[in-house]
Amino acid sequence: MVIRVQAEPFDYGQECASFAQSSKNSGAIVTFCGIVRDNDDASLSIMQIEHYPGMTERALSRIADEAQRRWALESCLIIHRFGALRPSEQIMMVATAARHRSDAFAAADFLMDYLKSRAPFWKKEITANGSEWVAAKASDEEALTRW
């Protein structure tokens, strides 16, 4: 299990290749990359992502540990960025490796749902009209009920 919380951009292709190289005994690899999308109501200039160092890594480790308890994962990777991000920049990446695709897909889906709603990151949208903290969405909370 590898968890990285960083300000720097990451190379998604390189991360996928490296993860695959380290997962040679797996029969399935699932990857996901989240990107900053523009706001529907106002043109987004910056998505400011903040976190509390130490607490964030521990929370991500607990989420990853839970995924590894529930599914037969051979490996998992979580990368999450913080700082000032612009539209179309990568925010996060999840990769899971397992002997069978059902475990890899389910674990990746679980990780994405829990990262979206339970990981201790705070997001502020900055537009030409001002700034606003992003509130939790009911749909994100509802997604957790299937787990």
Protein backbone atom coordinates (compact mmCIF):
# COMPACT_ATOMS: atom_id res chain seq x y z
CA MET A 1 0.00 0.00 0.00
CA VAL A 2 1.35 3.40 -1.00
CA ILE A 3 -0.23 6.66 0.12
CA ARG A 4 1.05 10.06 -0.95
CA VAL A 5 -0.36 13.48 -0.11
CA GLN A 6 1.49 16.09 -2.11
CA ALA A 7 1.31 19.55 -3.64
CA GLU A 8 3.26 18.57 -6.76
CA PRO A 9 1.57 17.29 -9.93
CA PHE A 10 1.98 13.61 -10.72
CA ASP A 11 2.39 11.87 -14.06
CA TYR A 12 -0.65 9.59 -14.33
CA GLY A 13 0.88 7.47 -17.10
CA GLN A 14 4.11 7.00 -15.17
CA GLU A 15 2.23 6.17 -11.97
CA CYS A 16 0.15 3.56 -13.84
CA ALA A 17 3.25 2.01 -15.41
CA SER A 18 5.09 1.90 -12.09
CA PHE A 19 2.08 0.41 -10.30
CA ALA A 20 1.69 -2.25 -13.01
CA GLN A 21 5.39 -3.08 -12.80
CA SER A 22 5.08 -3.64 -9.06
CA SER A 23 1.92 -5.75 -9.48
CA LYS A 24 3.16 -8.43 -11.86
CA ASN A 25 1.41 -11.28 -10.04
CA SER A 26 -1.99 -9.60 -10.20
CA GLY A 27 -4.63 -10.54 -12.75
CA ALA A 28 -6.38 -7.16 -12.67
CA ILE A 29 -5.44 -3.53 -12.18
CA VAL A 30 -8.00 -0.74 -11.89
CA THR A 31 -6.98 2.92 -11.92
CA PHE A 32 -8.87 6.18 -11.54
CA CYS A 33 -7.71 9.76 -11.87
CA GLY A 34 -9.84 12.63 -10.56
CA ILE A 35 -9.43 16.05 -12.15
CA VAL A 36 -10.59 19.56 -11.27
CA ARG A 37 -13.73 20.39 -13.23
CA ASP A 38 -15.08 23.84 -13.90
CA ASN A 39 -17.96 25.07 -11.76
CA ASP A 40 -21.40 25.03 -13.41
CA ASP A 41 -22.45 28.40 -11.99
CA ALA A 42 -19.27 30.46 -12.30
CA SER A 43 -15.99 30.03 -14.07
CA LEU A 44 -13.60 28.34 -11.66
CA SER A 45 -10.16 29.92 -11.40
CA ILE A 46 -8.68 27.86 -8.57
CA MET A 47 -9.71 24.91 -6.42
CA GLN A 48 -7.84 25.42 -3.15
CA ILE A 49 -7.44 22.11 -1.32
CA GLU A 50 -6.29 22.12 2.29
CA HIS A 51 -5.54 19.32 4.72
CA TYR A 52 -4.03 18.69 8.12
CA PRO A 53 -0.68 16.87 7.68
CA GLY A 54 -0.42 13.67 9.66
CA MET A 55 -4.15 13.38 10.26
CA THR A 56 -4.80 13.10 6.52
CA GLU A 57 -2.28 10.32 5.95
CA ARG A 58 -3.62 8.35 8.93
CA ALA A 59 -7.19 8.66 7.63
CA LEU A 60 -6.17 7.53 4.13
CA SER A 61 -4.29 4.58 5.64
CA ARG A 62 -7.39 3.52 7.57
CA ILE A 63 -9.51 3.71 4.40
CA ALA A 64 -6.94 1.66 2.45
CA ASP A 65 -6.64 -0.88 5.29
CA GLU A 66 -10.41 -1.33 5.26
CA ALA A 67 -10.36 -1.95 1.48
CA GLN A 68 -7.62 -4.54 1.94
CA ARG A 69 -9.66 -6.28 4.68
CA ARG A 70 -12.77 -6.43 2.50
CA TRP A 71 -11.21 -7.50 -0.80
CA ALA A 72 -8.28 -9.67 -1.81
CA LEU A 73 -6.02 -6.82 -2.89
CA GLU A 74 -2.42 -7.43 -3.78
CA SER A 75 -1.64 -3.71 -3.75
CA CYS A 76 -3.21 -0.27 -3.69
CA LEU A 77 -2.05 3.26 -4.37
CA ILE A 78 -3.63 6.54 -3.29
CA ILE A 79 -2.25 9.90 -4.39
CA HIS A 80 -4.06 13.09 -3.36
CA ARG A 81 -2.90 16.60 -4.07
CA PHE A 82 -3.38 19.77 -2.06
CA GLY A 83 -2.79 23.45 -2.74
CA ALA A 84 -4.03 25.69 -5.55
CA LEU A 85 -5.24 23.58 -8.49
CA ARG A 86 -6.64 24.84 -11.79
CA PRO A 87 -9.40 23.29 -13.91
CA SER A 88 -8.24 20.13 -15.73
CA GLU A 89 -5.39 19.51 -13.25
CA GLN A 90 -5.27 16.14 -11.54
CA ILE A 91 -6.49 16.05 -7.94
CA MET A 92 -6.12 12.41 -7.04
CA MET A 93 -5.41 8.90 -8.21
CA VAL A 94 -6.47 5.49 -6.95
CA ALA A 95 -5.03 2.21 -8.21
CA THR A 96 -5.87 -1.29 -7.03
CA ALA A 97 -4.36 -4.63 -7.99
CA ALA A 98 -5.86 -8.04 -7.30
CA ARG A 99 -5.82 -11.56 -8.68
CA HIS A 100 -9.39 -11.08 -9.93
CA ARG A 101 -11.10 -8.07 -11.50
CA SER A 102 -14.12 -8.08 -9.19
CA ASP A 103 -11.91 -7.39 -6.16
CA ALA A 104 -9.91 -4.70 -7.99
CA PHE A 105 -13.03 -2.90 -9.24
CA ALA A 106 -14.95 -3.11 -5.95
CA ALA A 107 -12.00 -1.92 -3.89
CA ALA A 108 -11.29 1.00 -6.25
CA ASP A 109 -14.95 2.03 -6.17
CA PHE A 110 -15.00 1.80 -2.36
CA LEU A 111 -11.80 3.86 -2.06
CA MET A 112 -13.13 6.58 -4.37
CA ASP A 113 -16.43 6.82 -2.47
CA TYR A 114 -14.69 7.03 0.90
CA LEU A 115 -12.05 9.47 -0.30
CA LYS A 116 -14.78 11.75 -1.66
CA SER A 117 -16.74 11.88 1.58
CA ARG A 118 -14.49 10.85 4.49
CA ALA A 119 -10.93 11.93 3.68
CA PRO A 120 -10.04 15.09 5.63
CA PHE A 121 -9.57 17.52 2.75
CA TRP A 122 -11.24 20.90 2.57
CA LYS A 123 -11.95 22.49 -0.81
CA LYS A 124 -12.56 26.12 -1.62
CA GLU A 125 -13.68 27.20 -5.09
CA ILE A 126 -12.25 30.53 -6.17
CA THR A 127 -14.03 32.26 -9.07
CA ALA A 128 -14.17 35.77 -10.52
CA ASN A 129 -17.17 36.35 -8.23
CA GLY A 130 -15.38 35.40 -5.00
CA SER A 131 -14.74 32.19 -3.11
CA GLU A 132 -16.81 29.54 -1.39
CA TRP A 133 -16.04 26.42 0.61
CA VAL A 134 -17.39 23.28 -1.05
CA ALA A 135 -20.10 21.63 1.05
CA ALA A 136 -20.60 17.89 1.33
CA LYS A 137 -23.18 16.55 -1.11
CA ALA A 138 -26.03 14.28 -0.11
CA SER A 139 -25.27 12.09 -3.14
CA ASP A 140 -21.73 11.45 -1.85
CA GLU A 141 -23.08 10.39 1.54
CA GLU A 142 -25.71 8.23 -0.13
CA ALA A 143 -22.99 6.46 -2.15
CA LEU A 144 -21.48 5.22 1.13
CA THR A 145 -24.63 3.33 2.09
CA ARG A 146 -23.85 0.56 -0.40
CA TRP A 147 -20.67 -0.29 1.54
